[in-house]
Amino acid sequence: MPSVPITSAGRGLGLELAAHYLTEGRQVYGAYRKPASAQKLEGLAQREAGQTGLLALDVTDAETIALAAASMNNRAPEFGSAASIPSLERAPWRETKRALGRTD
């Protein structure tokens, strides 16, 4: 089943994208920054058991970037070290690049 990583999946457009891809039968990995903002995403994950992975991720924190990248690499090896985190412009670039490895 095709996998889709989505940042800011806890609310707004990210949440809507997650719901859309789930209805298409895709595996969704939804990243969120604050657990309190991920309640609706958690609800989707419960309804779509086995089809949704949740990732705690703050793109300004190198530690959570590294943990999310490692989790993605373990859960969805097809992404390799290039797990998509499109909000990189807000993250410290050197730390992000080091955490993710090759991103191109």
PDB file of N, CA and C in Angstrom:
ATOM      1  N   MET A   1       0.850  -1.169   0.000  1.00  0.00           N
ATOM      2  CA  MET A   1       0.000   0.000   0.000  1.00  0.00           C
ATOM      3  C   MET A   1       0.898   1.236   0.000  1.00  0.00           C
ATOM      4  N   PRO A   2       0.643   2.225  -0.876  1.00  0.00           N
ATOM      5  CA  PRO A   2       1.467   3.435  -0.932  1.00  0.00           C
ATOM      6  C   PRO A   2       1.386   4.213   0.381  1.00  0.00           C
ATOM      7  N   SER A   3       2.517   4.790   0.785  1.00  0.00           N
ATOM      8  CA  SER A   3       2.587   5.552   2.033  1.00  0.00           C
ATOM      9  C   SER A   3       2.763   7.031   1.748  1.00  0.00           C
ATOM     10  N   VAL A   4       2.188   7.857   2.635  1.00  0.00           N
ATOM     11  CA  VAL A   4       2.274   9.304   2.497  1.00  0.00           C
ATOM     12  C   VAL A   4       2.638   9.913   3.854  1.00  0.00           C
ATOM     13  N   PRO A   5       3.790  10.613   3.949  1.00  0.00           N
ATOM     14  CA  PRO A   5       4.088  11.354   5.179  1.00  0.00           C
ATOM     15  C   PRO A   5       3.492  12.757   5.082  1.00  0.00           C
ATOM     16  N   ILE A   6       2.878  13.235   6.174  1.00  0.00           N
ATOM     17  CA  ILE A   6       2.261  14.561   6.178  1.00  0.00           C
ATOM     18  C   ILE A   6       2.663  15.285   7.455  1.00  0.00           C
ATOM     19  N   THR A   7       3.273  16.459   7.295  1.00  0.00           N
ATOM     20  CA  THR A   7       3.570  17.276   8.465  1.00  0.00           C
ATOM     21  C   THR A   7       2.351  18.135   8.783  1.00  0.00           C
ATOM     22  N   SER A   8       2.286  18.621   9.998  1.00  0.00           N
ATOM     23  CA  SER A   8       1.162  19.446  10.464  1.00  0.00           C
ATOM     24  C   SER A   8      -0.163  18.729  10.228  1.00  0.00           C
ATOM     25  N   ALA A   9      -0.177  17.430  10.480  1.00  0.00           N
ATOM     26  CA  ALA A   9      -1.371  16.629  10.230  1.00  0.00           C
ATOM     27  C   ALA A   9      -2.371  16.687  11.376  1.00  0.00           C
ATOM     28  N   GLY A  10      -2.056  17.380  12.442  1.00  0.00           N
ATOM     29  CA  GLY A  10      -2.934  17.437  13.593  1.00  0.00           C
ATOM     30  C   GLY A  10      -4.147  18.318  13.406  1.00  0.00           C
ATOM     31  N   ARG A  11      -4.097  19.214  12.396  1.00  0.00           N
ATOM     32  CA  ARG A  11      -5.223  20.127  12.206  1.00  0.00           C
ATOM     33  C   ARG A  11      -5.162  20.736  10.811  1.00  0.00           C
ATOM     34  N   GLY A  12      -6.200  21.435  10.449  1.00  0.00           N
ATOM     35  CA  GLY A  12      -6.232  22.191   9.205  1.00  0.00           C
ATOM     36  C   GLY A  12      -6.011  21.358   7.959  1.00  0.00           C
ATOM     37  N   LEU A  13      -5.245  21.918   7.037  1.00  0.00           N
ATOM     38  CA  LEU A  13      -5.004  21.279   5.754  1.00  0.00           C
ATOM     39  C   LEU A  13      -4.309  19.931   5.904  1.00  0.00           C
ATOM     40  N   GLY A  14      -3.349  19.834   6.813  1.00  0.00           N
ATOM     41  CA  GLY A  14      -2.664  18.563   7.026  1.00  0.00           C
ATOM     42  C   GLY A  14      -3.613  17.463   7.451  1.00  0.00           C
ATOM     43  N   LEU A  15      -4.543  17.786   8.333  1.00  0.00           N
ATOM     44  CA  LEU A  15      -5.543  16.812   8.788  1.00  0.00           C
ATOM     45  C   LEU A  15      -6.458  16.407   7.637  1.00  0.00           C
ATOM     46  N   GLU A  16      -6.868  17.385   6.827  1.00  0.00           N
ATOM     47  CA  GLU A  16      -7.723  17.084   5.679  1.00  0.00           C
ATOM     48  C   GLU A  16      -7.001  16.211   4.658  1.00  0.00           C
ATOM     49  N   LEU A  17      -5.707  16.489   4.438  1.00  0.00           N
ATOM     50  CA  LEU A  17      -4.928  15.643   3.527  1.00  0.00           C
ATOM     51  C   LEU A  17      -4.831  14.215   4.058  1.00  0.00           C
ATOM     52  N   ALA A  18      -4.604  14.090   5.363  1.00  0.00           N
ATOM     53  CA  ALA A  18      -4.526  12.754   5.968  1.00  0.00           C
ATOM     54  C   ALA A  18      -5.834  11.997   5.744  1.00  0.00           C
ATOM     55  N   ALA A  19      -6.961  12.644   6.005  1.00  0.00           N
ATOM     56  CA  ALA A  19      -8.263  12.001   5.814  1.00  0.00           C
ATOM     57  C   ALA A  19      -8.473  11.620   4.349  1.00  0.00           C
ATOM     58  N   HIS A  20      -8.085  12.499   3.444  1.00  0.00           N
ATOM     59  CA  HIS A  20      -8.238  12.225   2.012  1.00  0.00           C
ATOM     60  C   HIS A  20      -7.432  11.001   1.591  1.00  0.00           C
ATOM     61  N   TYR A  21      -6.152  10.964   1.967  1.00  0.00           N
ATOM     62  CA  TYR A  21      -5.311   9.838   1.569  1.00  0.00           C
ATOM     63  C   TYR A  21      -5.764   8.524   2.209  1.00  0.00           C
ATOM     64  N   LEU A  22      -6.299   8.602   3.416  1.00  0.00           N
ATOM     65  CA  LEU A  22      -6.827   7.388   4.050  1.00  0.00           C
ATOM     66  C   LEU A  22      -8.014   6.839   3.258  1.00  0.00           C
ATOM     67  N   THR A  23      -8.886   7.730   2.759  1.00  0.00           N
ATOM     68  CA  THR A  23     -10.026   7.254   1.970  1.00  0.00           C
ATOM     69  C   THR A  23      -9.573   6.634   0.651  1.00  0.00           C
ATOM     70  N   GLU A  24      -8.381   7.003   0.187  1.00  0.00           N
ATOM     71  CA  GLU A  24      -7.817   6.398  -1.020  1.00  0.00           C
ATOM     72  C   GLU A  24      -7.122   5.073  -0.721  1.00  0.00           C
ATOM     73  N   GLY A  25      -7.106   4.691   0.551  1.00  0.00           N
ATOM     74  CA  GLY A  25      -6.488   3.426   0.925  1.00  0.00           C
ATOM     75  C   GLY A  25      -4.979   3.500   1.146  1.00  0.00           C
ATOM     76  N   ARG A  26      -4.457   4.685   1.321  1.00  0.00           N
ATOM     77  CA  ARG A  26      -3.019   4.829   1.536  1.00  0.00           C
ATOM     78  C   ARG A  26      -2.664   4.734   3.013  1.00  0.00           C
ATOM     79  N   GLN A  27      -1.432   4.366   3.263  1.00  0.00           N
ATOM     80  CA  GLN A  27      -0.862   4.385   4.619  1.00  0.00           C
ATOM     81  C   GLN A  27      -0.423   5.823   4.873  1.00  0.00           C
ATOM     82  N   VAL A  28      -0.890   6.428   5.950  1.00  0.00           N
ATOM     83  CA  VAL A  28      -0.571   7.823   6.258  1.00  0.00           C
ATOM     84  C   VAL A  28       0.271   7.894   7.520  1.00  0.00           C
ATOM     85  N   TYR A  29       1.348   8.665   7.450  1.00  0.00           N
ATOM     86  CA  TYR A  29       2.178   8.961   8.617  1.00  0.00           C
ATOM     87  C   TYR A  29       1.996  10.439   8.914  1.00  0.00           C
ATOM     88  N   GLY A  30       1.224  10.735   9.943  1.00  0.00           N
ATOM     89  CA  GLY A  30       0.890  12.108  10.273  1.00  0.00           C
ATOM     90  C   GLY A  30       1.764  12.640  11.394  1.00  0.00           C
ATOM     91  N   ALA A  31       2.444  13.746  11.107  1.00  0.00           N
ATOM     92  CA  ALA A  31       3.289  14.391  12.109  1.00  0.00           C
ATOM     93  C   ALA A  31       2.552  15.574  12.734  1.00  0.00           C
ATOM     94  N   TYR A  32       2.740  15.731  14.024  1.00  0.00           N
ATOM     95  CA  TYR A  32       2.113  16.823  14.758  1.00  0.00           C
ATOM     96  C   TYR A  32       3.122  17.369  15.756  1.00  0.00           C
ATOM     97  N   ARG A  33       2.969  18.639  16.111  1.00  0.00           N
ATOM     98  CA  ARG A  33       3.906  19.268  17.039  1.00  0.00           C
ATOM     99  C   ARG A  33       3.447  19.156  18.484  1.00  0.00           C
ATOM    100  N   LYS A  34       2.184  19.424  18.721  1.00  0.00           N
ATOM    101  CA  LYS A  34       1.655  19.408  20.091  1.00  0.00           C
ATOM    102  C   LYS A  34       0.609  18.311  20.224  1.00  0.00           C
ATOM    103  N   PRO A  35       0.765  17.446  21.237  1.00  0.00           N
ATOM    104  CA  PRO A  35      -0.222  16.366  21.419  1.00  0.00           C
ATOM    105  C   PRO A  35      -1.656  16.882  21.541  1.00  0.00           C
ATOM    106  N   ALA A  36      -1.835  18.042  22.150  1.00  0.00           N
ATOM    107  CA  ALA A  36      -3.188  18.582  22.315  1.00  0.00           C
ATOM    108  C   ALA A  36      -3.833  18.902  20.974  1.00  0.00           C
ATOM    109  N   SER A  37      -3.011  19.216  19.959  1.00  0.00           N
ATOM    110  CA  SER A  37      -3.560  19.554  18.645  1.00  0.00           C
ATOM    111  C   SER A  37      -3.782  18.326  17.776  1.00  0.00           C
ATOM    112  N   ALA A  38      -3.433  17.155  18.274  1.00  0.00           N
ATOM    113  CA  ALA A  38      -3.512  15.942  17.459  1.00  0.00           C
ATOM    114  C   ALA A  38      -4.705  15.063  17.808  1.00  0.00           C
ATOM    115  N   GLN A  39      -5.653  15.567  18.565  1.00  0.00           N
ATOM    116  CA  GLN A  39      -6.784  14.736  18.990  1.00  0.00           C
ATOM    117  C   GLN A  39      -7.596  14.216  17.804  1.00  0.00           C
ATOM    118  N   LYS A  40      -7.857  15.053  16.816  1.00  0.00           N
ATOM    119  CA  LYS A  40      -8.620  14.599  15.651  1.00  0.00           C
ATOM    120  C   LYS A  40      -7.795  13.600  14.842  1.00  0.00           C
ATOM    121  N   LEU A  41      -6.500  13.834  14.743  1.00  0.00           N
ATOM    122  CA  LEU A  41      -5.624  12.893  14.037  1.00  0.00           C
ATOM    123  C   LEU A  41      -5.607  11.550  14.763  1.00  0.00           C
ATOM    124  N   GLU A  42      -5.564  11.577  16.085  1.00  0.00           N
ATOM    125  CA  GLU A  42      -5.614  10.341  16.861  1.00  0.00           C
ATOM    126  C   GLU A  42      -6.938   9.605  16.626  1.00  0.00           C
ATOM    127  N   GLY A  43      -8.023  10.360  16.493  1.00  0.00           N
ATOM    128  CA  GLY A  43      -9.316   9.759  16.182  1.00  0.00           C
ATOM    129  C   GLY A  43      -9.298   9.051  14.827  1.00  0.00           C
ATOM    130  N   LEU A  44      -8.678   9.700  13.835  1.00  0.00           N
ATOM    131  CA  LEU A  44      -8.526   9.064  12.520  1.00  0.00           C
ATOM    132  C   LEU A  44      -7.708   7.783  12.643  1.00  0.00           C
ATOM    133  N   ALA A  45      -6.632   7.856  13.420  1.00  0.00           N
ATOM    134  CA  ALA A  45      -5.753   6.696  13.588  1.00  0.00           C
ATOM    135  C   ALA A  45      -6.496   5.533  14.231  1.00  0.00           C
ATOM    136  N   GLN A  46      -7.383   5.821  15.171  1.00  0.00           N
ATOM    137  CA  GLN A  46      -8.156   4.758  15.814  1.00  0.00           C
ATOM    138  C   GLN A  46      -9.157   4.141  14.848  1.00  0.00           C
ATOM    139  N   ARG A  47      -9.801   4.986  14.035  1.00  0.00           N
ATOM    140  CA  ARG A  47     -10.777   4.473  13.054  1.00  0.00           C
ATOM    141  C   ARG A  47     -10.106   3.695  11.932  1.00  0.00           C
ATOM    142  N   GLU A  48      -8.920   4.104  11.569  1.00  0.00           N
ATOM    143  CA  GLU A  48      -8.182   3.474  10.461  1.00  0.00           C
ATOM    144  C   GLU A  48      -7.002   2.685  11.027  1.00  0.00           C
ATOM    145  N   ALA A  49      -7.267   1.814  11.977  1.00  0.00           N
ATOM    146  CA  ALA A  49      -6.215   1.045  12.655  1.00  0.00           C
ATOM    147  C   ALA A  49      -5.317   0.341  11.639  1.00  0.00           C
ATOM    148  N   GLY A  50      -4.032   0.475  11.861  1.00  0.00           N
ATOM    149  CA  GLY A  50      -3.065  -0.174  10.993  1.00  0.00           C
ATOM    150  C   GLY A  50      -2.758   0.596   9.723  1.00  0.00           C
ATOM    151  N   GLN A  51      -3.491   1.670   9.470  1.00  0.00           N
ATOM    152  CA  GLN A  51      -3.288   2.448   8.252  1.00  0.00           C
ATOM    153  C   GLN A  51      -2.709   3.825   8.550  1.00  0.00           C
ATOM    154  N   THR A  52      -2.578   4.156   9.826  1.00  0.00           N
ATOM    155  CA  THR A  52      -2.109   5.476  10.206  1.00  0.00           C
ATOM    156  C   THR A  52      -1.017   5.372  11.250  1.00  0.00           C
ATOM    157  N   GLY A  53       0.087   6.056  11.013  1.00  0.00           N
ATOM    158  CA  GLY A  53       1.168   6.163  11.988  1.00  0.00           C
ATOM    159  C   GLY A  53       1.252   7.591  12.473  1.00  0.00           C
ATOM    160  N   LEU A  54       1.428   7.796  13.758  1.00  0.00           N
ATOM    161  CA  LEU A  54       1.525   9.136  14.322  1.00  0.00           C
ATOM    162  C   LEU A  54       2.977   9.428  14.690  1.00  0.00           C
ATOM    163  N   LEU A  55       3.418  10.638  14.369  1.00  0.00           N
ATOM    164  CA  LEU A  55       4.793  11.044  14.643  1.00  0.00           C
ATOM    165  C   LEU A  55       4.806  12.379  15.374  1.00  0.00           C
ATOM    166  N   ALA A  56       5.388  12.416  16.565  1.00  0.00           N
ATOM    167  CA  ALA A  56       5.579  13.688  17.258  1.00  0.00           C
ATOM    168  C   ALA A  56       6.760  14.382  16.591  1.00  0.00           C
ATOM    169  N   LEU A  57       6.550  15.602  16.110  1.00  0.00           N
ATOM    170  CA  LEU A  57       7.593  16.289  15.359  1.00  0.00           C
ATOM    171  C   LEU A  57       7.475  17.792  15.515  1.00  0.00           C
ATOM    172  N   ASP A  58       8.533  18.418  15.993  1.00  0.00           N
ATOM    173  CA  ASP A  58       8.652  19.872  16.002  1.00  0.00           C
ATOM    174  C   ASP A  58       9.808  20.185  15.065  1.00  0.00           C
ATOM    175  N   VAL A  59       9.526  20.807  13.932  1.00  0.00           N
ATOM    176  CA  VAL A  59      10.566  21.018  12.924  1.00  0.00           C
ATOM    177  C   VAL A  59      11.643  22.006  13.357  1.00  0.00           C
ATOM    178  N   THR A  60      11.489  22.612  14.538  1.00  0.00           N
ATOM    179  CA  THR A  60      12.533  23.487  15.060  1.00  0.00           C
ATOM    180  C   THR A  60      13.398  22.773  16.098  1.00  0.00           C
ATOM    181  N   ASP A  61      13.129  21.497  16.336  1.00  0.00           N
ATOM    182  CA  ASP A  61      13.844  20.734  17.359  1.00  0.00           C
ATOM    183  C   ASP A  61      14.549  19.538  16.713  1.00  0.00           C
ATOM    184  N   ALA A  62      15.868  19.596  16.681  1.00  0.00           N
ATOM    185  CA  ALA A  62      16.656  18.552  16.010  1.00  0.00           C
ATOM    186  C   ALA A  62      16.390  17.165  16.585  1.00  0.00           C
ATOM    187  N   GLU A  63      16.148  17.063  17.883  1.00  0.00           N
ATOM    188  CA  GLU A  63      15.906  15.754  18.500  1.00  0.00           C
ATOM    189  C   GLU A  63      14.617  15.119  17.981  1.00  0.00           C
ATOM    190  N   THR A  64      13.531  15.897  17.913  1.00  0.00           N
ATOM    191  CA  THR A  64      12.286  15.310  17.416  1.00  0.00           C
ATOM    192  C   THR A  64      12.380  15.020  15.919  1.00  0.00           C
ATOM    193  N   ILE A  65      13.160  15.809  15.189  1.00  0.00           N
ATOM    194  CA  ILE A  65      13.374  15.535  13.761  1.00  0.00           C
ATOM    195  C   ILE A  65      14.066  14.189  13.605  1.00  0.00           C
ATOM    196  N   ALA A  66      15.113  13.967  14.388  1.00  0.00           N
ATOM    197  CA  ALA A  66      15.854  12.706  14.309  1.00  0.00           C
ATOM    198  C   ALA A  66      14.967  11.526  14.693  1.00  0.00           C
ATOM    199  N   LEU A  67      14.168  11.677  15.748  1.00  0.00           N
ATOM    200  CA  LEU A  67      13.277  10.593  16.171  1.00  0.00           C
ATOM    201  C   LEU A  67      12.214  10.294  15.121  1.00  0.00           C
ATOM    202  N   ALA A  68      11.633  11.341  14.529  1.00  0.00           N
ATOM    203  CA  ALA A  68      10.616  11.138  13.500  1.00  0.00           C
ATOM    204  C   ALA A  68      11.223  10.480  12.263  1.00  0.00           C
ATOM    205  N   ALA A  69      12.418  10.924  11.869  1.00  0.00           N
ATOM    206  CA  ALA A  69      13.077  10.330  10.703  1.00  0.00           C
ATOM    207  C   ALA A  69      13.384   8.857  10.952  1.00  0.00           C
ATOM    208  N   ALA A  70      13.873   8.535  12.133  1.00  0.00           N
ATOM    209  CA  ALA A  70      14.171   7.134  12.463  1.00  0.00           C
ATOM    210  C   ALA A  70      12.894   6.302  12.468  1.00  0.00           C
ATOM    211  N   SER A  71      11.824   6.852  13.012  1.00  0.00           N
ATOM    212  CA  SER A  71      10.551   6.135  13.038  1.00  0.00           C
ATOM    213  C   SER A  71      10.043   5.891  11.623  1.00  0.00           C
ATOM    214  N   MET A  72      10.135   6.907  10.771  1.00  0.00           N
ATOM    215  CA  MET A  72       9.716   6.741   9.379  1.00  0.00           C
ATOM    216  C   MET A  72      10.552   5.686   8.678  1.00  0.00           C
ATOM    217  N   ASN A  73      11.850   5.708   8.907  1.00  0.00           N
ATOM    218  CA  ASN A  73      12.729   4.734   8.256  1.00  0.00           C
ATOM    219  C   ASN A  73      12.410   3.317   8.709  1.00  0.00           C
ATOM    220  N   ASN A  74      12.001   3.158   9.982  1.00  0.00           N
ATOM    221  CA  ASN A  74      11.630   1.833  10.488  1.00  0.00           C
ATOM    222  C   ASN A  74      10.269   1.384   9.976  1.00  0.00           C
ATOM    223  N   ARG A  75       9.312   2.296   9.939  1.00  0.00           N
ATOM    224  CA  ARG A  75       7.941   1.947   9.556  1.00  0.00           C
ATOM    225  C   ARG A  75       7.745   1.880   8.042  1.00  0.00           C
ATOM    226  N   ALA A  76       8.420   2.759   7.332  1.00  0.00           N
ATOM    227  CA  ALA A  76       8.218   2.857   5.879  1.00  0.00           C
ATOM    228  C   ALA A  76       9.571   2.947   5.187  1.00  0.00           C
ATOM    229  N   PRO A  77      10.272   1.821   5.091  1.00  0.00           N
ATOM    230  CA  PRO A  77      11.618   1.843   4.527  1.00  0.00           C
ATOM    231  C   PRO A  77      11.682   2.342   3.089  1.00  0.00           C
ATOM    232  N   GLU A  78      10.542   2.380   2.398  1.00  0.00           N
ATOM    233  CA  GLU A  78      10.576   2.882   1.023  1.00  0.00           C
ATOM    234  C   GLU A  78      10.975   4.356   0.951  1.00  0.00           C
ATOM    235  N   PHE A  79      10.846   5.073   2.079  1.00  0.00           N
ATOM    236  CA  PHE A  79      11.264   6.468   2.098  1.00  0.00           C
ATOM    237  C   PHE A  79      12.766   6.604   2.308  1.00  0.00           C
ATOM    238  N   GLY A  80      13.407   5.568   2.823  1.00  0.00           N
ATOM    239  CA  GLY A  80      14.847   5.639   3.080  1.00  0.00           C
ATOM    240  C   GLY A  80      15.181   6.802   3.983  1.00  0.00           C
ATOM    241  N   SER A  81      16.319   7.423   3.763  1.00  0.00           N
ATOM    242  CA  SER A  81      16.732   8.531   4.618  1.00  0.00           C
ATOM    243  C   SER A  81      16.133   9.844   4.156  1.00  0.00           C
ATOM    244  N   ALA A  82      15.313   9.815   3.132  1.00  0.00           N
ATOM    245  CA  ALA A  82      14.741  11.047   2.595  1.00  0.00           C
ATOM    246  C   ALA A  82      13.286  11.213   2.999  1.00  0.00           C
ATOM    247  N   ALA A  83      12.945  10.838   4.223  1.00  0.00           N
ATOM    248  CA  ALA A  83      11.573  11.021   4.703  1.00  0.00           C
ATOM    249  C   ALA A  83      11.183  12.478   4.503  1.00  0.00           C
ATOM    250  N   SER A  84      10.035  12.704   3.918  1.00  0.00           N
ATOM    251  CA  SER A  84       9.634  14.049   3.518  1.00  0.00           C
ATOM    252  C   SER A  84       9.173  14.867   4.713  1.00  0.00           C
ATOM    253  N   ILE A  85       9.875  15.945   4.953  1.00  0.00           N
ATOM    254  CA  ILE A  85       9.473  16.900   5.982  1.00  0.00           C
ATOM    255  C   ILE A  85       9.507  18.269   5.316  1.00  0.00           C
ATOM    256  N   PRO A  86       8.380  18.680   4.676  1.00  0.00           N
ATOM    257  CA  PRO A  86       8.399  19.884   3.861  1.00  0.00           C
ATOM    258  C   PRO A  86       8.525  21.197   4.602  1.00  0.00           C
ATOM    259  N   SER A  87       8.395  21.224   5.913  1.00  0.00           N
ATOM    260  CA  SER A  87       8.479  22.478   6.655  1.00  0.00           C
ATOM    261  C   SER A  87       9.913  22.812   7.055  1.00  0.00           C
ATOM    262  N   LEU A  88      10.871  22.345   6.292  1.00  0.00           N
ATOM    263  CA  LEU A  88      12.270  22.512   6.681  1.00  0.00           C
ATOM    264  C   LEU A  88      12.721  23.956   6.734  1.00  0.00           C
ATOM    265  N   GLU A  89      12.032  24.855   6.041  1.00  0.00           N
ATOM    266  CA  GLU A  89      12.477  26.244   6.067  1.00  0.00           C
ATOM    267  C   GLU A  89      12.406  26.845   7.470  1.00  0.00           C
ATOM    268  N   ARG A  90      11.625  26.252   8.349  1.00  0.00           N
ATOM    269  CA  ARG A  90      11.538  26.753   9.718  1.00  0.00           C
ATOM    270  C   ARG A  90      12.521  26.058  10.652  1.00  0.00           C
ATOM    271  N   ALA A  91      13.158  25.025  10.194  1.00  0.00           N
ATOM    272  CA  ALA A  91      14.058  24.242  11.049  1.00  0.00           C
ATOM    273  C   ALA A  91      15.503  24.699  10.870  1.00  0.00           C
ATOM    274  N   PRO A  92      16.314  24.499  11.896  1.00  0.00           N
ATOM    275  CA  PRO A  92      17.743  24.770  11.736  1.00  0.00           C
ATOM    276  C   PRO A  92      18.292  23.812  10.678  1.00  0.00           C
ATOM    277  N   TRP A  93      18.696  24.332   9.518  1.00  0.00           N
ATOM    278  CA  TRP A  93      19.021  23.497   8.374  1.00  0.00           C
ATOM    279  C   TRP A  93      20.107  22.468   8.652  1.00  0.00           C
ATOM    280  N   ARG A  94      21.206  22.850   9.263  1.00  0.00           N
ATOM    281  CA  ARG A  94      22.301  21.902   9.484  1.00  0.00           C
ATOM    282  C   ARG A  94      21.858  20.730  10.358  1.00  0.00           C
ATOM    283  N   GLU A  95      21.128  21.024  11.423  1.00  0.00           N
ATOM    284  CA  GLU A  95      20.665  19.952  12.309  1.00  0.00           C
ATOM    285  C   GLU A  95      19.666  19.058  11.592  1.00  0.00           C
ATOM    286  N   THR A  96      18.791  19.649  10.793  1.00  0.00           N
ATOM    287  CA  THR A  96      17.815  18.870  10.050  1.00  0.00           C
ATOM    288  C   THR A  96      18.511  17.968   9.045  1.00  0.00           C
ATOM    289  N   LYS A  97      19.442  18.523   8.298  1.00  0.00           N
ATOM    290  CA  LYS A  97      20.154  17.734   7.294  1.00  0.00           C
ATOM    291  C   LYS A  97      20.913  16.582   7.937  1.00  0.00           C
ATOM    292  N   ARG A  98      21.527  16.846   9.077  1.00  0.00           N
ATOM    293  CA  ARG A  98      22.259  15.803   9.792  1.00  0.00           C
ATOM    294  C   ARG A  98      21.304  14.715  10.264  1.00  0.00           C
ATOM    295  N   ALA A  99      20.134  15.095  10.745  1.00  0.00           N
ATOM    296  CA  ALA A  99      19.163  14.117  11.249  1.00  0.00           C
ATOM    297  C   ALA A  99      18.584  13.258  10.140  1.00  0.00           C
ATOM    298  N   LEU A 100      18.289  13.867   9.000  1.00  0.00           N
ATOM    299  CA  LEU A 100      17.644  13.142   7.923  1.00  0.00           C
ATOM    300  C   LEU A 100      18.598  12.481   6.945  1.00  0.00           C
ATOM    301  N   GLY A 101      19.826  12.964   6.893  1.00  0.00           N
ATOM    302  CA  GLY A 101      20.730  12.446   5.870  1.00  0.00           C
ATOM    303  C   GLY A 101      20.452  13.124   4.562  1.00  0.00           C
ATOM    304  N   ARG A 102      20.535  12.418   3.506  1.00  0.00           N
ATOM    305  CA  ARG A 102      20.326  12.981   2.176  1.00  0.00           C
ATOM    306  C   ARG A 102      18.847  13.333   1.986  1.00  0.00           C
ATOM    307  N   THR A 103      18.562  14.559   1.546  1.00  0.00           N
ATOM    308  CA  THR A 103      17.170  15.003   1.407  1.00  0.00           C
ATOM    309  C   THR A 103      16.818  15.391  -0.012  1.00  0.00           C
ATOM    310  N   ASP A 104      17.645  15.075  -0.990  1.00  0.00           N
ATOM    311  CA  ASP A 104      17.284  15.458  -2.354  1.00  0.00           C
ATOM    312  C   ASP A 104      16.913  14.257  -3.187  1.00  0.00           C
TER     313      ASP A 104
END
